[in-house]
Amino acid sequence: MFTLQKAWHPYISPFDPCKPITVKTYSTPPNLYMGFQPPNLPQFSPTEALRAGTLWKAFYDPWYSPYEKAKRGQSQ
């Protein structure tokens, strides 16, 4: 399944003094998966583009904190 949110499992030492974080997540931007920008991409209106941070809808990627997702009951 394609997702912009990736996860990895870091090494956990048996001698680690702190409680380990078993899963770490990171976000990849949509422009990594698009080679060249195709012509006639759908665009936001100027006010929507200022809110979204991009003019093109294909490059819009809202960022959510992993803690925010856990609070809403979603999986990572």
PDB file of N, CA and C in Angstrom:
ATOM      1  N   MET A   1       0.831  -1.177   0.000  1.00  0.00           N
ATOM      2  CA  MET A   1       0.000   0.000   0.000  1.00  0.00           C
ATOM      3  C   MET A   1       0.881   1.248   0.000  1.00  0.00           C
ATOM      4  N   PHE A   2       0.565   2.209  -0.857  1.00  0.00           N
ATOM      5  CA  PHE A   2       1.330   3.437  -0.959  1.00  0.00           C
ATOM      6  C   PHE A   2       0.945   4.400   0.148  1.00  0.00           C
ATOM      7  N   THR A   3       1.939   4.932   0.820  1.00  0.00           N
ATOM      8  CA  THR A   3       1.704   5.926   1.853  1.00  0.00           C
ATOM      9  C   THR A   3       2.887   6.889   1.902  1.00  0.00           C
ATOM     10  N   LEU A   4       2.621   8.130   2.251  1.00  0.00           N
ATOM     11  CA  LEU A   4       3.688   9.113   2.375  1.00  0.00           C
ATOM     12  C   LEU A   4       4.341   9.058   3.755  1.00  0.00           C
ATOM     13  N   GLN A   5       3.738   8.351   4.682  1.00  0.00           N
ATOM     14  CA  GLN A   5       4.272   8.188   6.035  1.00  0.00           C
ATOM     15  C   GLN A   5       4.986   6.840   6.109  1.00  0.00           C
ATOM     16  N   LYS A   6       6.269   6.846   6.381  1.00  0.00           N
ATOM     17  CA  LYS A   6       7.069   5.619   6.461  1.00  0.00           C
ATOM     18  C   LYS A   6       7.450   5.365   7.921  1.00  0.00           C
ATOM     19  N   ALA A   7       7.772   4.118   8.229  1.00  0.00           N
ATOM     20  CA  ALA A   7       8.169   3.757   9.588  1.00  0.00           C
ATOM     21  C   ALA A   7       9.376   2.829   9.543  1.00  0.00           C
ATOM     22  N   TRP A   8      10.201   2.891  10.566  1.00  0.00           N
ATOM     23  CA  TRP A   8      11.346   1.986  10.688  1.00  0.00           C
ATOM     24  C   TRP A   8      11.549   1.634  12.156  1.00  0.00           C
ATOM     25  N   HIS A   9      12.198   0.516  12.386  1.00  0.00           N
ATOM     26  CA  HIS A   9      12.430  -0.002  13.730  1.00  0.00           C
ATOM     27  C   HIS A   9      13.920   0.124  14.057  1.00  0.00           C
ATOM     28  N   PRO A  10      14.293   1.067  14.916  1.00  0.00           N
ATOM     29  CA  PRO A  10      15.713   1.234  15.245  1.00  0.00           C
ATOM     30  C   PRO A  10      16.225   0.107  16.146  1.00  0.00           C
ATOM     31  N   TYR A  11      17.526  -0.017  16.175  1.00  0.00           N
ATOM     32  CA  TYR A  11      18.156  -1.002  17.057  1.00  0.00           C
ATOM     33  C   TYR A  11      17.930  -0.580  18.504  1.00  0.00           C
ATOM     34  N   ILE A  12      17.582  -1.533  19.338  1.00  0.00           N
ATOM     35  CA  ILE A  12      17.365  -1.275  20.762  1.00  0.00           C
ATOM     36  C   ILE A  12      18.395  -2.081  21.538  1.00  0.00           C
ATOM     37  N   SER A  13      19.248  -1.380  22.226  1.00  0.00           N
ATOM     38  CA  SER A  13      20.306  -2.029  22.998  1.00  0.00           C
ATOM     39  C   SER A  13      19.748  -2.569  24.311  1.00  0.00           C
ATOM     40  N   PRO A  14      20.227  -3.728  24.750  1.00  0.00           N
ATOM     41  CA  PRO A  14      19.777  -4.230  26.057  1.00  0.00           C
ATOM     42  C   PRO A  14      20.308  -3.374  27.208  1.00  0.00           C
ATOM     43  N   PHE A  15      21.317  -2.527  26.934  1.00  0.00           N
ATOM     44  CA  PHE A  15      21.920  -1.687  27.969  1.00  0.00           C
ATOM     45  C   PHE A  15      21.417  -0.250  27.908  1.00  0.00           C
ATOM     46  N   ASP A  16      20.389  -0.001  27.128  1.00  0.00           N
ATOM     47  CA  ASP A  16      19.847   1.348  26.992  1.00  0.00           C
ATOM     48  C   ASP A  16      19.207   1.771  28.317  1.00  0.00           C
ATOM     49  N   PRO A  17      19.626   2.911  28.904  1.00  0.00           N
ATOM     50  CA  PRO A  17      19.080   3.312  30.203  1.00  0.00           C
ATOM     51  C   PRO A  17      17.664   3.890  30.114  1.00  0.00           C
ATOM     52  N   CYS A  18      17.246   4.311  28.937  1.00  0.00           N
ATOM     53  CA  CYS A  18      15.928   4.932  28.787  1.00  0.00           C
ATOM     54  C   CYS A  18      14.947   3.955  28.145  1.00  0.00           C
ATOM     55  N   LYS A  19      13.675   4.247  28.320  1.00  0.00           N
ATOM     56  CA  LYS A  19      12.650   3.438  27.667  1.00  0.00           C
ATOM     57  C   LYS A  19      12.803   3.606  26.144  1.00  0.00           C
ATOM     58  N   PRO A  20      12.932   2.517  25.388  1.00  0.00           N
ATOM     59  CA  PRO A  20      13.190   2.651  23.956  1.00  0.00           C
ATOM     60  C   PRO A  20      11.946   3.049  23.153  1.00  0.00           C
ATOM     61  N   ILE A  21      12.205   3.740  22.057  1.00  0.00           N
ATOM     62  CA  ILE A  21      11.165   4.041  21.077  1.00  0.00           C
ATOM     63  C   ILE A  21      11.269   2.933  20.035  1.00  0.00           C
ATOM     64  N   THR A  22      10.276   2.070  19.966  1.00  0.00           N
ATOM     65  CA  THR A  22      10.373   0.884  19.112  1.00  0.00           C
ATOM     66  C   THR A  22      10.110   1.179  17.646  1.00  0.00           C
ATOM     67  N   VAL A  23       9.279   2.181  17.341  1.00  0.00           N
ATOM     68  CA  VAL A  23       8.973   2.522  15.954  1.00  0.00           C
ATOM     69  C   VAL A  23       9.139   4.020  15.774  1.00  0.00           C
ATOM     70  N   LYS A  24       9.925   4.414  14.774  1.00  0.00           N
ATOM     71  CA  LYS A  24      10.086   5.827  14.442  1.00  0.00           C
ATOM     72  C   LYS A  24       9.477   6.050  13.066  1.00  0.00           C
ATOM     73  N   THR A  25       8.839   7.195  12.877  1.00  0.00           N
ATOM     74  CA  THR A  25       8.183   7.484  11.606  1.00  0.00           C
ATOM     75  C   THR A  25       8.752   8.750  10.986  1.00  0.00           C
ATOM     76  N   TYR A  26       8.627   8.844   9.670  1.00  0.00           N
ATOM     77  CA  TYR A  26       9.025  10.041   8.947  1.00  0.00           C
ATOM     78  C   TYR A  26       8.115  10.193   7.734  1.00  0.00           C
ATOM     79  N   SER A  27       8.048  11.400   7.228  1.00  0.00           N
ATOM     80  CA  SER A  27       7.172  11.718   6.111  1.00  0.00           C
ATOM     81  C   SER A  27       8.008  11.974   4.859  1.00  0.00           C
ATOM     82  N   THR A  28       7.549  11.468   3.722  1.00  0.00           N
ATOM     83  CA  THR A  28       8.223  11.740   2.455  1.00  0.00           C
ATOM     84  C   THR A  28       7.318  12.628   1.609  1.00  0.00           C
ATOM     85  N   PRO A  29       7.869  13.670   0.995  1.00  0.00           N
ATOM     86  CA  PRO A  29       7.037  14.583   0.207  1.00  0.00           C
ATOM     87  C   PRO A  29       6.602  13.965  -1.119  1.00  0.00           C
ATOM     88  N   PRO A  30       5.447  14.381  -1.645  1.00  0.00           N
ATOM     89  CA  PRO A  30       4.926  13.804  -2.888  1.00  0.00           C
ATOM     90  C   PRO A  30       5.825  14.047  -4.097  1.00  0.00           C
ATOM     91  N   ASN A  31       6.616  15.135  -4.084  1.00  0.00           N
ATOM     92  CA  ASN A  31       7.452  15.417  -5.249  1.00  0.00           C
ATOM     93  C   ASN A  31       8.565  14.387  -5.446  1.00  0.00           C
ATOM     94  N   LEU A  32       8.845  13.544  -4.448  1.00  0.00           N
ATOM     95  CA  LEU A  32       9.841  12.478  -4.624  1.00  0.00           C
ATOM     96  C   LEU A  32       9.368  11.413  -5.607  1.00  0.00           C
ATOM     97  N   TYR A  33       8.066  11.263  -5.729  1.00  0.00           N
ATOM     98  CA  TYR A  33       7.501  10.197  -6.543  1.00  0.00           C
ATOM     99  C   TYR A  33       7.048  10.671  -7.926  1.00  0.00           C
ATOM    100  N   MET A  34       7.305  11.928  -8.251  1.00  0.00           N
ATOM    101  CA  MET A  34       6.910  12.461  -9.549  1.00  0.00           C
ATOM    102  C   MET A  34       8.176  12.895 -10.273  1.00  0.00           C
ATOM    103  N   GLY A  35       8.459  12.309 -11.437  1.00  0.00           N
ATOM    104  CA  GLY A  35       9.672  12.639 -12.184  1.00  0.00           C
ATOM    105  C   GLY A  35       9.652  14.085 -12.658  1.00  0.00           C
ATOM    106  N   PHE A  36       9.004  14.329 -13.777  1.00  0.00           N
ATOM    107  CA  PHE A  36       8.842  15.680 -14.280  1.00  0.00           C
ATOM    108  C   PHE A  36       7.426  16.133 -13.989  1.00  0.00           C
ATOM    109  N   GLN A  37       7.276  17.431 -13.824  1.00  0.00           N
ATOM    110  CA  GLN A  37       5.947  17.959 -13.553  1.00  0.00           C
ATOM    111  C   GLN A  37       5.122  17.914 -14.829  1.00  0.00           C
ATOM    112  N   PRO A  38       4.039  17.144 -14.859  1.00  0.00           N
ATOM    113  CA  PRO A  38       3.226  17.058 -16.065  1.00  0.00           C
ATOM    114  C   PRO A  38       2.517  18.380 -16.347  1.00  0.00           C
ATOM    115  N   PRO A  39       2.225  18.655 -17.603  1.00  0.00           N
ATOM    116  CA  PRO A  39       1.511  19.895 -17.922  1.00  0.00           C
ATOM    117  C   PRO A  39       0.057  19.832 -17.458  1.00  0.00           C
ATOM    118  N   ASN A  40      -0.518  20.993 -17.240  1.00  0.00           N
ATOM    119  CA  ASN A  40      -1.931  21.164 -16.888  1.00  0.00           C
ATOM    120  C   ASN A  40      -2.325  20.462 -15.581  1.00  0.00           C
ATOM    121  N   LEU A  41      -1.464  20.528 -14.582  1.00  0.00           N
ATOM    122  CA  LEU A  41      -1.830  19.985 -13.273  1.00  0.00           C
ATOM    123  C   LEU A  41      -2.920  20.858 -12.652  1.00  0.00           C
ATOM    124  N   PRO A  42      -3.875  20.261 -11.938  1.00  0.00           N
ATOM    125  CA  PRO A  42      -4.894  21.071 -11.251  1.00  0.00           C
ATOM    126  C   PRO A  42      -4.245  21.985 -10.217  1.00  0.00           C
ATOM    127  N   GLN A  43      -4.769  23.201 -10.115  1.00  0.00           N
ATOM    128  CA  GLN A  43      -4.197  24.193  -9.204  1.00  0.00           C
ATOM    129  C   GLN A  43      -5.215  24.634  -8.167  1.00  0.00           C
ATOM    130  N   PHE A  44      -4.686  25.060  -7.009  1.00  0.00           N
ATOM    131  CA  PHE A  44      -5.510  25.686  -5.990  1.00  0.00           C
ATOM    132  C   PHE A  44      -5.797  27.124  -6.413  1.00  0.00           C
ATOM    133  N   SER A  45      -6.831  27.705  -5.842  1.00  0.00           N
ATOM    134  CA  SER A  45      -7.040  29.146  -6.018  1.00  0.00           C
ATOM    135  C   SER A  45      -5.935  29.851  -5.222  1.00  0.00           C
ATOM    136  N   PRO A  46      -5.666  31.144  -5.497  1.00  0.00           N
ATOM    137  CA  PRO A  46      -4.577  31.824  -4.780  1.00  0.00           C
ATOM    138  C   PRO A  46      -4.719  31.789  -3.257  1.00  0.00           C
ATOM    139  N   THR A  47      -5.919  31.958  -2.723  1.00  0.00           N
ATOM    140  CA  THR A  47      -6.065  31.927  -1.258  1.00  0.00           C
ATOM    141  C   THR A  47      -5.884  30.516  -0.710  1.00  0.00           C
ATOM    142  N   GLU A  48      -6.388  29.506  -1.430  1.00  0.00           N
ATOM    143  CA  GLU A  48      -6.188  28.111  -0.995  1.00  0.00           C
ATOM    144  C   GLU A  48      -4.717  27.736  -1.076  1.00  0.00           C
ATOM    145  N   ALA A  49      -4.021  28.244  -2.112  1.00  0.00           N
ATOM    146  CA  ALA A  49      -2.599  27.942  -2.283  1.00  0.00           C
ATOM    147  C   ALA A  49      -1.781  28.509  -1.124  1.00  0.00           C
ATOM    148  N   LEU A  50      -2.144  29.688  -0.639  1.00  0.00           N
ATOM    149  CA  LEU A  50      -1.436  30.256   0.507  1.00  0.00           C
ATOM    150  C   LEU A  50      -1.645  29.406   1.758  1.00  0.00           C
ATOM    151  N   ARG A  51      -2.826  28.865   1.940  1.00  0.00           N
ATOM    152  CA  ARG A  51      -3.093  28.003   3.100  1.00  0.00           C
ATOM    153  C   ARG A  51      -2.390  26.652   2.970  1.00  0.00           C
ATOM    154  N   ALA A  52      -2.389  26.097   1.746  1.00  0.00           N
ATOM    155  CA  ALA A  52      -1.812  24.767   1.526  1.00  0.00           C
ATOM    156  C   ALA A  52      -0.289  24.809   1.431  1.00  0.00           C
ATOM    157  N   GLY A  53       0.286  25.955   1.035  1.00  0.00           N
ATOM    158  CA  GLY A  53       1.730  26.057   0.899  1.00  0.00           C
ATOM    159  C   GLY A  53       2.239  25.625  -0.462  1.00  0.00           C
ATOM    160  N   THR A  54       1.343  25.343  -1.405  1.00  0.00           N
ATOM    161  CA  THR A  54       1.729  24.972  -2.756  1.00  0.00           C
ATOM    162  C   THR A  54       0.614  25.354  -3.716  1.00  0.00           C
ATOM    163  N   LEU A  55       0.971  25.610  -4.955  1.00  0.00           N
ATOM    164  CA  LEU A  55      -0.024  25.975  -5.954  1.00  0.00           C
ATOM    165  C   LEU A  55      -0.706  24.740  -6.535  1.00  0.00           C
ATOM    166  N   TRP A  56       0.039  23.641  -6.629  1.00  0.00           N
ATOM    167  CA  TRP A  56      -0.485  22.451  -7.291  1.00  0.00           C
ATOM    168  C   TRP A  56      -1.037  21.450  -6.293  1.00  0.00           C
ATOM    169  N   LYS A  57      -2.219  20.921  -6.574  1.00  0.00           N
ATOM    170  CA  LYS A  57      -2.882  19.980  -5.676  1.00  0.00           C
ATOM    171  C   LYS A  57      -2.102  18.671  -5.542  1.00  0.00           C
ATOM    172  N   ALA A  58      -1.382  18.268  -6.585  1.00  0.00           N
ATOM    173  CA  ALA A  58      -0.620  17.012  -6.541  1.00  0.00           C
ATOM    174  C   ALA A  58       0.539  17.081  -5.554  1.00  0.00           C
ATOM    175  N   PHE A  59       1.017  18.284  -5.241  1.00  0.00           N
ATOM    176  CA  PHE A  59       2.143  18.442  -4.320  1.00  0.00           C
ATOM    177  C   PHE A  59       1.714  18.757  -2.898  1.00  0.00           C
ATOM    178  N   TYR A  60       0.420  18.791  -2.636  1.00  0.00           N
ATOM    179  CA  TYR A  60      -0.065  19.097  -1.290  1.00  0.00           C
ATOM    180  C   TYR A  60       0.079  17.873  -0.401  1.00  0.00           C
ATOM    181  N   ASP A  61       0.692  18.078   0.752  1.00  0.00           N
ATOM    182  CA  ASP A  61       0.905  16.991   1.707  1.00  0.00           C
ATOM    183  C   ASP A  61       0.713  17.538   3.113  1.00  0.00           C
ATOM    184  N   PRO A  62      -0.473  17.357   3.695  1.00  0.00           N
ATOM    185  CA  PRO A  62      -0.651  17.841   5.061  1.00  0.00           C
ATOM    186  C   PRO A  62       0.177  17.000   6.027  1.00  0.00           C
ATOM    187  N   TRP A  63       0.809  17.643   6.982  1.00  0.00           N
ATOM    188  CA  TRP A  63       1.637  16.929   7.949  1.00  0.00           C
ATOM    189  C   TRP A  63       0.880  16.797   9.246  1.00  0.00           C
ATOM    190  N   TYR A  64       0.852  15.588   9.770  1.00  0.00           N
ATOM    191  CA  TYR A  64       0.247  15.315  11.063  1.00  0.00           C
ATOM    192  C   TYR A  64       1.293  14.711  11.975  1.00  0.00           C
ATOM    193  N   SER A  65       1.298  15.156  13.206  1.00  0.00           N
ATOM    194  CA  SER A  65       2.209  14.614  14.194  1.00  0.00           C
ATOM    195  C   SER A  65       1.826  13.169  14.496  1.00  0.00           C
ATOM    196  N   PRO A  66       2.794  12.276  14.730  1.00  0.00           N
ATOM    197  CA  PRO A  66       2.455  10.906  15.108  1.00  0.00           C
ATOM    198  C   PRO A  66       1.654  10.865  16.408  1.00  0.00           C
ATOM    199  N   TYR A  67       1.883  11.819  17.286  1.00  0.00           N
ATOM    200  CA  TYR A  67       1.144  11.879  18.549  1.00  0.00           C
ATOM    201  C   TYR A  67      -0.301  12.294  18.294  1.00  0.00           C
ATOM    202  N   GLU A  68      -0.506  13.172  17.321  1.00  0.00           N
ATOM    203  CA  GLU A  68      -1.856  13.608  16.973  1.00  0.00           C
ATOM    204  C   GLU A  68      -2.662  12.444  16.408  1.00  0.00           C
ATOM    205  N   LYS A  69      -2.044  11.619  15.567  1.00  0.00           N
ATOM    206  CA  LYS A  69      -2.728  10.447  15.012  1.00  0.00           C
ATOM    207  C   LYS A  69      -3.074   9.453  16.111  1.00  0.00           C
ATOM    208  N   ALA A  70      -2.162   9.240  17.048  1.00  0.00           N
ATOM    209  CA  ALA A  70      -2.408   8.301  18.142  1.00  0.00           C
ATOM    210  C   ALA A  70      -3.545   8.809  19.036  1.00  0.00           C
ATOM    211  N   LYS A  71      -3.612  10.118  19.200  1.00  0.00           N
ATOM    212  CA  LYS A  71      -4.664  10.700  20.026  1.00  0.00           C
ATOM    213  C   LYS A  71      -6.032  10.492  19.396  1.00  0.00           C
ATOM    214  N   ARG A  72      -6.082  10.533  18.053  1.00  0.00           N
ATOM    215  CA  ARG A  72      -7.358  10.329  17.358  1.00  0.00           C
ATOM    216  C   ARG A  72      -7.702   8.852  17.210  1.00  0.00           C
ATOM    217  N   GLY A  73      -6.803   7.956  17.585  1.00  0.00           N
ATOM    218  CA  GLY A  73      -7.088   6.532  17.521  1.00  0.00           C
ATOM    219  C   GLY A  73      -6.714   5.893  16.191  1.00  0.00           C
ATOM    220  N   GLN A  74      -5.918   6.584  15.363  1.00  0.00           N
ATOM    221  CA  GLN A  74      -5.492   6.015  14.088  1.00  0.00           C
ATOM    222  C   GLN A  74      -4.176   5.291  14.265  1.00  0.00           C
ATOM    223  N   SER A  75      -3.931   4.356  13.356  1.00  0.00           N
ATOM    224  CA  SER A  75      -2.654   3.645  13.402  1.00  0.00           C
ATOM    225  C   SER A  75      -1.604   4.475  12.685  1.00  0.00           C
ATOM    226  N   GLN A  76      -0.331   4.205  12.978  1.00  0.00           N
ATOM    227  CA  GLN A  76       0.758   4.965  12.371  1.00  0.00           C
ATOM    228  C   GLN A  76       1.077   4.477  10.999  1.00  0.00           C
TER     229      GLN A  76
END
